[in-house]
All heavy atoms as atom14 arrays in JSON, in Angstrom:
{
  "sequence": "GGIPVVGRRYRFLDLPAGGGSDTVMKTSNPLAGGRHAVRF",
  "atom14_mask": [
    [1, 1, 1, 1, 0, 0, 0, 0, 0, 0, 0, 0, 0, 0],
    [1, 1, 1, 1, 0, 0, 0, 0, 0, 0, 0, 0, 0, 0],
    [1, 1, 1, 1, 1, 1, 1, 1, 0, 0, 0, 0, 0, 0],
    [1, 1, 1, 1, 1, 1, 1, 0, 0, 0, 0, 0, 0, 0],
    [1, 1, 1, 1, 1, 1, 1, 0, 0, 0, 0, 0, 0, 0],
    [1, 1, 1, 1, 1, 1, 1, 0, 0, 0, 0, 0, 0, 0],
    [1, 1, 1, 1, 0, 0, 0, 0, 0, 0, 0, 0, 0, 0],
    [1, 1, 1, 1, 1, 1, 1, 1, 1, 1, 1, 0, 0, 0],
    [1, 1, 1, 1, 1, 1, 1, 1, 1, 1, 1, 0, 0, 0],
    [1, 1, 1, 1, 1, 1, 1, 1, 1, 1, 1, 1, 0, 0],
    [1, 1, 1, 1, 1, 1, 1, 1, 1, 1, 1, 0, 0, 0],
    [1, 1, 1, 1, 1, 1, 1, 1, 1, 1, 1, 0, 0, 0],
    [1, 1, 1, 1, 1, 1, 1, 1, 0, 0, 0, 0, 0, 0],
    [1, 1, 1, 1, 1, 1, 1, 1, 0, 0, 0, 0, 0, 0],
    [1, 1, 1, 1, 1, 1, 1, 1, 0, 0, 0, 0, 0, 0],
    [1, 1, 1, 1, 1, 1, 1, 0, 0, 0, 0, 0, 0, 0],
    [1, 1, 1, 1, 1, 0, 0, 0, 0, 0, 0, 0, 0, 0],
    [1, 1, 1, 1, 0, 0, 0, 0, 0, 0, 0, 0, 0, 0],
    [1, 1, 1, 1, 0, 0, 0, 0, 0, 0, 0, 0, 0, 0],
    [1, 1, 1, 1, 0, 0, 0, 0, 0, 0, 0, 0, 0, 0],
    [1, 1, 1, 1, 1, 1, 0, 0, 0, 0, 0, 0, 0, 0],
    [1, 1, 1, 1, 1, 1, 1, 1, 0, 0, 0, 0, 0, 0],
    [1, 1, 1, 1, 1, 1, 1, 0, 0, 0, 0, 0, 0, 0],
    [1, 1, 1, 1, 1, 1, 1, 0, 0, 0, 0, 0, 0, 0],
    [1, 1, 1, 1, 1, 1, 1, 1, 0, 0, 0, 0, 0, 0],
    [1, 1, 1, 1, 1, 1, 1, 1, 1, 0, 0, 0, 0, 0],
    [1, 1, 1, 1, 1, 1, 1, 0, 0, 0, 0, 0, 0, 0],
    [1, 1, 1, 1, 1, 1, 0, 0, 0, 0, 0, 0, 0, 0],
    [1, 1, 1, 1, 1, 1, 1, 1, 0, 0, 0, 0, 0, 0],
    [1, 1, 1, 1, 1, 1, 1, 0, 0, 0, 0, 0, 0, 0],
    [1, 1, 1, 1, 1, 1, 1, 1, 0, 0, 0, 0, 0, 0],
    [1, 1, 1, 1, 1, 0, 0, 0, 0, 0, 0, 0, 0, 0],
    [1, 1, 1, 1, 0, 0, 0, 0, 0, 0, 0, 0, 0, 0],
    [1, 1, 1, 1, 0, 0, 0, 0, 0, 0, 0, 0, 0, 0],
    [1, 1, 1, 1, 1, 1, 1, 1, 1, 1, 1, 0, 0, 0],
    [1, 1, 1, 1, 1, 1, 1, 1, 1, 1, 0, 0, 0, 0],
    [1, 1, 1, 1, 1, 0, 0, 0, 0, 0, 0, 0, 0, 0],
    [1, 1, 1, 1, 1, 1, 1, 0, 0, 0, 0, 0, 0, 0],
    [1, 1, 1, 1, 1, 1, 1, 1, 1, 1, 1, 0, 0, 0],
    [1, 1, 1, 1, 1, 1, 1, 1, 1, 1, 1, 0, 0, 0]
  ],
  "atom14_positions": [
    [[105.7, 100.23, 94.96], [106.52, 99.41, 94.04], [107.65, 100.16, 93.43], [108.57, 99.55, 92.88], [0.0, 0.0, 0.0], [0.0, 0.0, 0.0], [0.0, 0.0, 0.0], [0.0, 0.0, 0.0], [0.0, 0.0, 0.0], [0.0, 0.0, 0.0], [0.0, 0.0, 0.0], [0.0, 0.0, 0.0], [0.0, 0.0, 0.0], [0.0, 0.0, 0.0]],
    [[107.64, 101.5, 93.44], [108.71, 102.26, 92.83], [109.95, 102.35, 93.68], [110.98, 102.87, 93.21], [0.0, 0.0, 0.0], [0.0, 0.0, 0.0], [0.0, 0.0, 0.0], [0.0, 0.0, 0.0], [0.0, 0.0, 0.0], [0.0, 0.0, 0.0], [0.0, 0.0, 0.0], [0.0, 0.0, 0.0], [0.0, 0.0, 0.0], [0.0, 0.0, 0.0]],
    [[109.88, 101.9, 94.93], [111.07, 101.94, 95.8], [112.06, 100.87, 95.39], [111.69, 99.71, 95.26], [110.64, 101.77, 97.28], [109.68, 102.87, 97.7], [111.87, 101.75, 98.2], [109.11, 102.72, 99.08], [0.0, 0.0, 0.0], [0.0, 0.0, 0.0], [0.0, 0.0, 0.0], [0.0, 0.0, 0.0], [0.0, 0.0, 0.0], [0.0, 0.0, 0.0]],
    [[113.33, 101.24, 95.15], [114.34, 100.22, 94.74], [114.42, 99.08, 95.74], [114.32, 99.25, 96.94], [115.63, 101.01, 94.68], [115.18, 102.46, 94.48], [113.88, 102.56, 95.25], [0.0, 0.0, 0.0], [0.0, 0.0, 0.0], [0.0, 0.0, 0.0], [0.0, 0.0, 0.0], [0.0, 0.0, 0.0], [0.0, 0.0, 0.0], [0.0, 0.0, 0.0]],
    [[114.62, 97.89, 95.21], [114.87, 96.67, 95.94], [113.66, 96.25, 96.79], [112.99, 95.28, 96.47], [116.15, 96.74, 96.81], [116.43, 95.37, 97.45], [117.34, 97.19, 96.0], [0.0, 0.0, 0.0], [0.0, 0.0, 0.0], [0.0, 0.0, 0.0], [0.0, 0.0, 0.0], [0.0, 0.0, 0.0], [0.0, 0.0, 0.0], [0.0, 0.0, 0.0]],
    [[113.39, 96.98, 97.86], [112.37, 96.52, 98.79], [110.96, 96.68, 98.18], [110.0, 96.11, 98.7], [112.44, 97.25, 100.14], [113.78, 96.93, 100.82], [112.31, 98.78, 99.95], [0.0, 0.0, 0.0], [0.0, 0.0, 0.0], [0.0, 0.0, 0.0], [0.0, 0.0, 0.0], [0.0, 0.0, 0.0], [0.0, 0.0, 0.0], [0.0, 0.0, 0.0]],
    [[110.82, 97.48, 97.15], [109.56, 97.66, 96.53], [109.07, 96.48, 95.71], [107.92, 96.46, 95.27], [0.0, 0.0, 0.0], [0.0, 0.0, 0.0], [0.0, 0.0, 0.0], [0.0, 0.0, 0.0], [0.0, 0.0, 0.0], [0.0, 0.0, 0.0], [0.0, 0.0, 0.0], [0.0, 0.0, 0.0], [0.0, 0.0, 0.0], [0.0, 0.0, 0.0]],
    [[109.91, 95.47, 95.57], [109.55, 94.32, 94.71], [108.31, 93.63, 95.19], [107.53, 93.07, 94.4], [110.73, 93.36, 94.65], [111.89, 93.82, 93.78], [113.03, 92.89, 93.76], [113.61, 92.71, 95.1], [114.7, 91.96, 95.37], [115.27, 91.3, 94.36], [115.16, 91.89, 96.6], [0.0, 0.0, 0.0], [0.0, 0.0, 0.0], [0.0, 0.0, 0.0]],
    [[108.07, 93.58, 96.5], [106.92, 92.83, 97.02], [105.63, 93.56, 96.7], [104.57, 92.99, 96.88], [107.06, 92.67, 98.54], [106.91, 93.92, 99.34], [107.08, 93.7, 100.83], [108.45, 93.35, 101.17], [108.88, 93.23, 102.43], [108.05, 93.42, 103.46], [110.14, 92.89, 102.66], [0.0, 0.0, 0.0], [0.0, 0.0, 0.0], [0.0, 0.0, 0.0]],
    [[105.72, 94.81, 96.24], [104.51, 95.57, 95.85], [104.34, 95.71, 94.36], [103.58, 96.5, 93.87], [104.57, 96.99, 96.49], [104.75, 96.9, 98.01], [106.01, 97.04, 98.56], [103.69, 96.63, 98.84], [106.22, 96.96, 99.94], [103.86, 96.55, 100.22], [105.13, 96.7, 100.77], [105.32, 96.61, 102.12], [0.0, 0.0, 0.0], [0.0, 0.0, 0.0]],
    [[105.12, 94.9, 93.64], [105.01, 94.87, 92.16], [104.37, 93.5, 91.82], [104.84, 92.47, 92.17], [106.4, 94.97, 91.53], [107.15, 96.22, 91.91], [108.61, 96.19, 91.46], [109.37, 97.2, 92.15], [110.72, 97.23, 92.23], [111.42, 96.26, 91.68], [111.33, 98.22, 92.89], [0.0, 0.0, 0.0], [0.0, 0.0, 0.0], [0.0, 0.0, 0.0]],
    [[103.28, 93.6, 91.04], [102.45, 92.42, 90.89], [102.43, 91.8, 89.51], [102.35, 90.6, 89.39], [101.01, 92.76, 91.33], [100.89, 93.2, 92.77], [100.94, 94.52, 93.11], [100.82, 92.23, 93.77], [100.84, 94.9, 94.48], [100.73, 92.57, 95.1], [100.75, 93.92, 95.44], [0.0, 0.0, 0.0], [0.0, 0.0, 0.0], [0.0, 0.0, 0.0]],
    [[102.52, 92.63, 88.5], [102.45, 92.05, 87.12], [103.45, 92.78, 86.2], [103.66, 93.98, 86.35], [101.05, 92.21, 86.54], [99.92, 91.35, 87.16], [98.61, 91.71, 86.52], [100.23, 89.86, 86.94], [0.0, 0.0, 0.0], [0.0, 0.0, 0.0], [0.0, 0.0, 0.0], [0.0, 0.0, 0.0], [0.0, 0.0, 0.0], [0.0, 0.0, 0.0]],
    [[104.02, 92.05, 85.28], [104.88, 92.61, 84.23], [104.5, 91.88, 82.93], [104.98, 90.76, 82.7], [106.36, 92.42, 84.61], [107.28, 93.09, 83.59], [106.85, 93.43, 82.48], [108.48, 93.28, 83.96], [0.0, 0.0, 0.0], [0.0, 0.0, 0.0], [0.0, 0.0, 0.0], [0.0, 0.0, 0.0], [0.0, 0.0, 0.0], [0.0, 0.0, 0.0]],
    [[103.68, 92.48, 82.12], [103.08, 91.81, 80.97], [103.37, 92.58, 79.69], [103.54, 93.81, 79.73], [101.55, 91.68, 81.13], [101.05, 90.96, 82.37], [99.58, 91.18, 82.54], [101.4, 89.47, 82.28], [0.0, 0.0, 0.0], [0.0, 0.0, 0.0], [0.0, 0.0, 0.0], [0.0, 0.0, 0.0], [0.0, 0.0, 0.0], [0.0, 0.0, 0.0]],
    [[103.43, 91.93, 78.52], [103.55, 92.65, 77.27], [102.28, 93.49, 77.01], [101.19, 93.1, 77.35], [103.69, 91.55, 76.25], [103.06, 90.36, 76.84], [103.35, 90.46, 78.33], [0.0, 0.0, 0.0], [0.0, 0.0, 0.0], [0.0, 0.0, 0.0], [0.0, 0.0, 0.0], [0.0, 0.0, 0.0], [0.0, 0.0, 0.0], [0.0, 0.0, 0.0]],
    [[102.46, 94.66, 76.43], [101.36, 95.54, 76.17], [101.34, 96.04, 74.7], [102.43, 96.31, 74.17], [101.39, 96.75, 77.1], [0.0, 0.0, 0.0], [0.0, 0.0, 0.0], [0.0, 0.0, 0.0], [0.0, 0.0, 0.0], [0.0, 0.0, 0.0], [0.0, 0.0, 0.0], [0.0, 0.0, 0.0], [0.0, 0.0, 0.0], [0.0, 0.0, 0.0]],
    [[100.19, 96.14, 74.12], [100.05, 96.8, 72.87], [99.66, 98.25, 73.09], [99.5, 98.71, 74.21], [0.0, 0.0, 0.0], [0.0, 0.0, 0.0], [0.0, 0.0, 0.0], [0.0, 0.0, 0.0], [0.0, 0.0, 0.0], [0.0, 0.0, 0.0], [0.0, 0.0, 0.0], [0.0, 0.0, 0.0], [0.0, 0.0, 0.0], [0.0, 0.0, 0.0]],
    [[99.49, 98.99, 71.98], [99.15, 100.41, 72.07], [100.37, 101.25, 72.31], [101.49, 100.77, 72.42], [0.0, 0.0, 0.0], [0.0, 0.0, 0.0], [0.0, 0.0, 0.0], [0.0, 0.0, 0.0], [0.0, 0.0, 0.0], [0.0, 0.0, 0.0], [0.0, 0.0, 0.0], [0.0, 0.0, 0.0], [0.0, 0.0, 0.0], [0.0, 0.0, 0.0]],
    [[100.14, 102.56, 72.4], [101.25, 103.51, 72.59], [100.73, 104.85, 73.02], [99.57, 104.99, 73.41], [0.0, 0.0, 0.0], [0.0, 0.0, 0.0], [0.0, 0.0, 0.0], [0.0, 0.0, 0.0], [0.0, 0.0, 0.0], [0.0, 0.0, 0.0], [0.0, 0.0, 0.0], [0.0, 0.0, 0.0], [0.0, 0.0, 0.0], [0.0, 0.0, 0.0]],
    [[101.58, 105.84, 72.92], [101.24, 107.16, 73.42], [100.19, 107.86, 72.63], [99.47, 108.71, 73.14], [102.51, 108.04, 73.48], [103.45, 107.52, 74.36], [0.0, 0.0, 0.0], [0.0, 0.0, 0.0], [0.0, 0.0, 0.0], [0.0, 0.0, 0.0], [0.0, 0.0, 0.0], [0.0, 0.0, 0.0], [0.0, 0.0, 0.0], [0.0, 0.0, 0.0]],
    [[100.03, 107.54, 71.36], [99.12, 108.25, 70.48], [97.99, 107.37, 69.95], [97.3, 107.76, 69.04], [99.91, 108.81, 69.27], [100.98, 109.78, 69.71], [100.71, 110.63, 70.59], [102.09, 109.72, 69.17], [0.0, 0.0, 0.0], [0.0, 0.0, 0.0], [0.0, 0.0, 0.0], [0.0, 0.0, 0.0], [0.0, 0.0, 0.0], [0.0, 0.0, 0.0]],
    [[97.79, 106.21, 70.54], [96.73, 105.31, 70.04], [95.49, 105.44, 70.91], [95.54, 105.91, 72.03], [97.22, 103.86, 70.07], [97.6, 103.48, 71.4], [98.41, 103.66, 69.17], [0.0, 0.0, 0.0], [0.0, 0.0, 0.0], [0.0, 0.0, 0.0], [0.0, 0.0, 0.0], [0.0, 0.0, 0.0], [0.0, 0.0, 0.0], [0.0, 0.0, 0.0]],
    [[94.35, 105.01, 70.36], [93.11, 105.09, 71.11], [93.23, 104.25, 72.4], [92.89, 104.76, 73.47], [91.96, 104.53, 70.23], [90.69, 104.36, 71.07], [91.67, 105.47, 69.06], [0.0, 0.0, 0.0], [0.0, 0.0, 0.0], [0.0, 0.0, 0.0], [0.0, 0.0, 0.0], [0.0, 0.0, 0.0], [0.0, 0.0, 0.0], [0.0, 0.0, 0.0]],
    [[93.71, 103.03, 72.33], [94.06, 102.29, 73.54], [95.4, 102.83, 74.0], [96.46, 102.32, 73.65], [94.12, 100.81, 73.29], [94.25, 99.98, 74.59], [94.35, 98.19, 74.33], [96.12, 98.01, 74.02], [0.0, 0.0, 0.0], [0.0, 0.0, 0.0], [0.0, 0.0, 0.0], [0.0, 0.0, 0.0], [0.0, 0.0, 0.0], [0.0, 0.0, 0.0]],
    [[95.35, 103.84, 74.83], [96.59, 104.55, 75.24], [97.31, 103.76, 76.27], [96.77, 103.35, 77.3], [96.22, 105.92, 75.77], [97.5, 106.71, 76.19], [97.13, 108.03, 76.8], [97.04, 109.15, 75.78], [98.27, 109.43, 75.09], [0.0, 0.0, 0.0], [0.0, 0.0, 0.0], [0.0, 0.0, 0.0], [0.0, 0.0, 0.0], [0.0, 0.0, 0.0]],
    [[98.6, 103.49, 75.96], [99.55, 102.93, 76.93], [100.82, 103.72, 76.76], [101.71, 103.41, 76.03], [99.84, 101.43, 76.64], [100.2, 101.25, 75.27], [98.59, 100.57, 76.9], [0.0, 0.0, 0.0], [0.0, 0.0, 0.0], [0.0, 0.0, 0.0], [0.0, 0.0, 0.0], [0.0, 0.0, 0.0], [0.0, 0.0, 0.0], [0.0, 0.0, 0.0]],
    [[100.86, 104.85, 77.45], [101.85, 105.91, 77.17], [103.24, 105.51, 77.6], [103.42, 104.84, 78.62], [101.39, 107.2, 77.89], [102.17, 108.29, 77.46], [0.0, 0.0, 0.0], [0.0, 0.0, 0.0], [0.0, 0.0, 0.0], [0.0, 0.0, 0.0], [0.0, 0.0, 0.0], [0.0, 0.0, 0.0], [0.0, 0.0, 0.0], [0.0, 0.0, 0.0]],
    [[104.18, 106.02, 76.85], [105.6, 105.76, 77.15], [106.44, 106.98, 76.71], [106.12, 107.65, 75.76], [106.15, 104.52, 76.45], [106.07, 104.63, 74.95], [105.05, 104.46, 74.34], [107.23, 104.95, 74.35], [0.0, 0.0, 0.0], [0.0, 0.0, 0.0], [0.0, 0.0, 0.0], [0.0, 0.0, 0.0], [0.0, 0.0, 0.0], [0.0, 0.0, 0.0]],
    [[107.48, 107.26, 77.43], [108.44, 108.29, 76.95], [109.19, 107.72, 75.76], [109.11, 106.55, 75.45], [109.33, 108.5, 78.18], [109.36, 107.18, 78.83], [107.96, 106.63, 78.68], [0.0, 0.0, 0.0], [0.0, 0.0, 0.0], [0.0, 0.0, 0.0], [0.0, 0.0, 0.0], [0.0, 0.0, 0.0], [0.0, 0.0, 0.0], [0.0, 0.0, 0.0]],
    [[109.96, 108.61, 75.09], [110.85, 108.12, 74.06], [111.77, 107.12, 74.75], [112.41, 107.39, 75.74], [111.67, 109.28, 73.5], [110.92, 110.26, 72.63], [111.88, 111.36, 72.19], [110.26, 109.62, 71.43], [0.0, 0.0, 0.0], [0.0, 0.0, 0.0], [0.0, 0.0, 0.0], [0.0, 0.0, 0.0], [0.0, 0.0, 0.0], [0.0, 0.0, 0.0]],
    [[111.83, 105.91, 74.2], [112.54, 104.8, 74.87], [113.26, 103.95, 73.88], [112.7, 103.54, 72.86], [111.59, 103.97, 75.69], [0.0, 0.0, 0.0], [0.0, 0.0, 0.0], [0.0, 0.0, 0.0], [0.0, 0.0, 0.0], [0.0, 0.0, 0.0], [0.0, 0.0, 0.0], [0.0, 0.0, 0.0], [0.0, 0.0, 0.0], [0.0, 0.0, 0.0]],
    [[114.53, 103.72, 74.12], [115.35, 102.89, 73.23], [115.36, 101.4, 73.6], [116.0, 100.64, 72.9], [0.0, 0.0, 0.0], [0.0, 0.0, 0.0], [0.0, 0.0, 0.0], [0.0, 0.0, 0.0], [0.0, 0.0, 0.0], [0.0, 0.0, 0.0], [0.0, 0.0, 0.0], [0.0, 0.0, 0.0], [0.0, 0.0, 0.0], [0.0, 0.0, 0.0]],
    [[114.66, 101.04, 74.64], [114.69, 99.64, 75.05], [113.44, 99.33, 75.88], [112.4, 99.94, 75.76], [0.0, 0.0, 0.0], [0.0, 0.0, 0.0], [0.0, 0.0, 0.0], [0.0, 0.0, 0.0], [0.0, 0.0, 0.0], [0.0, 0.0, 0.0], [0.0, 0.0, 0.0], [0.0, 0.0, 0.0], [0.0, 0.0, 0.0], [0.0, 0.0, 0.0]],
    [[113.61, 98.32, 76.71], [112.47, 97.85, 77.59], [112.08, 98.98, 78.53], [112.92, 99.63, 79.15], [112.95, 96.63, 78.34], [111.83, 95.82, 79.03], [112.48, 94.61, 79.7], [111.53, 93.84, 80.5], [110.96, 92.74, 80.12], [111.24, 92.25, 78.89], [110.13, 92.08, 80.88], [0.0, 0.0, 0.0], [0.0, 0.0, 0.0], [0.0, 0.0, 0.0]],
    [[110.78, 99.18, 78.67], [110.29, 100.27, 79.53], [108.92, 99.94, 80.06], [108.23, 99.03, 79.57], [110.2, 101.57, 78.71], [109.35, 101.42, 77.48], [109.83, 101.01, 76.26], [107.99, 101.56, 77.29], [108.89, 100.94, 75.35], [107.74, 101.3, 75.97], [0.0, 0.0, 0.0], [0.0, 0.0, 0.0], [0.0, 0.0, 0.0], [0.0, 0.0, 0.0]],
    [[108.51, 100.62, 81.1], [107.23, 100.39, 81.76], [106.19, 101.38, 81.29], [106.48, 102.55, 81.09], [107.39, 100.48, 83.29], [0.0, 0.0, 0.0], [0.0, 0.0, 0.0], [0.0, 0.0, 0.0], [0.0, 0.0, 0.0], [0.0, 0.0, 0.0], [0.0, 0.0, 0.0], [0.0, 0.0, 0.0], [0.0, 0.0, 0.0], [0.0, 0.0, 0.0]],
    [[104.97, 100.9, 81.11], [103.82, 101.77, 80.84], [103.3, 102.22, 82.19], [102.88, 101.42, 83.02], [102.74, 101.0, 80.07], [101.52, 101.89, 79.87], [103.27, 100.51, 78.74], [0.0, 0.0, 0.0], [0.0, 0.0, 0.0], [0.0, 0.0, 0.0], [0.0, 0.0, 0.0], [0.0, 0.0, 0.0], [0.0, 0.0, 0.0], [0.0, 0.0, 0.0]],
    [[103.32, 103.52, 82.43], [102.86, 104.07, 83.72], [101.57, 104.87, 83.61], [101.05, 105.3, 84.64], [103.97, 104.95, 84.3], [105.25, 104.19, 84.61], [105.03, 103.05, 85.62], [106.26, 102.46, 86.05], [106.34, 101.35, 86.78], [105.2, 100.74, 87.16], [107.46, 100.85, 87.13], [0.0, 0.0, 0.0], [0.0, 0.0, 0.0], [0.0, 0.0, 0.0]],
    [[101.09, 105.09, 82.4], [99.93, 105.95, 82.21], [99.12, 105.47, 81.03], [99.72, 105.01, 80.0], [100.36, 107.39, 82.0], [99.24, 108.3, 81.61], [98.52, 108.96, 82.6], [98.94, 108.54, 80.3], [97.45, 109.78, 82.26], [97.89, 109.39, 79.94], [97.14, 110.03, 80.92], [0.0, 0.0, 0.0], [0.0, 0.0, 0.0], [0.0, 0.0, 0.0]]
  ]
}
């Protein structure tokens, strides 16, 4: 899914997420000024 353009068929969900990098329910993100993906 990380491949530009053609990877779209391997991307399945894009949902709002709670939590963050330092919370018990970890949904880690880099420092981000806008919309970003949780990858870890």
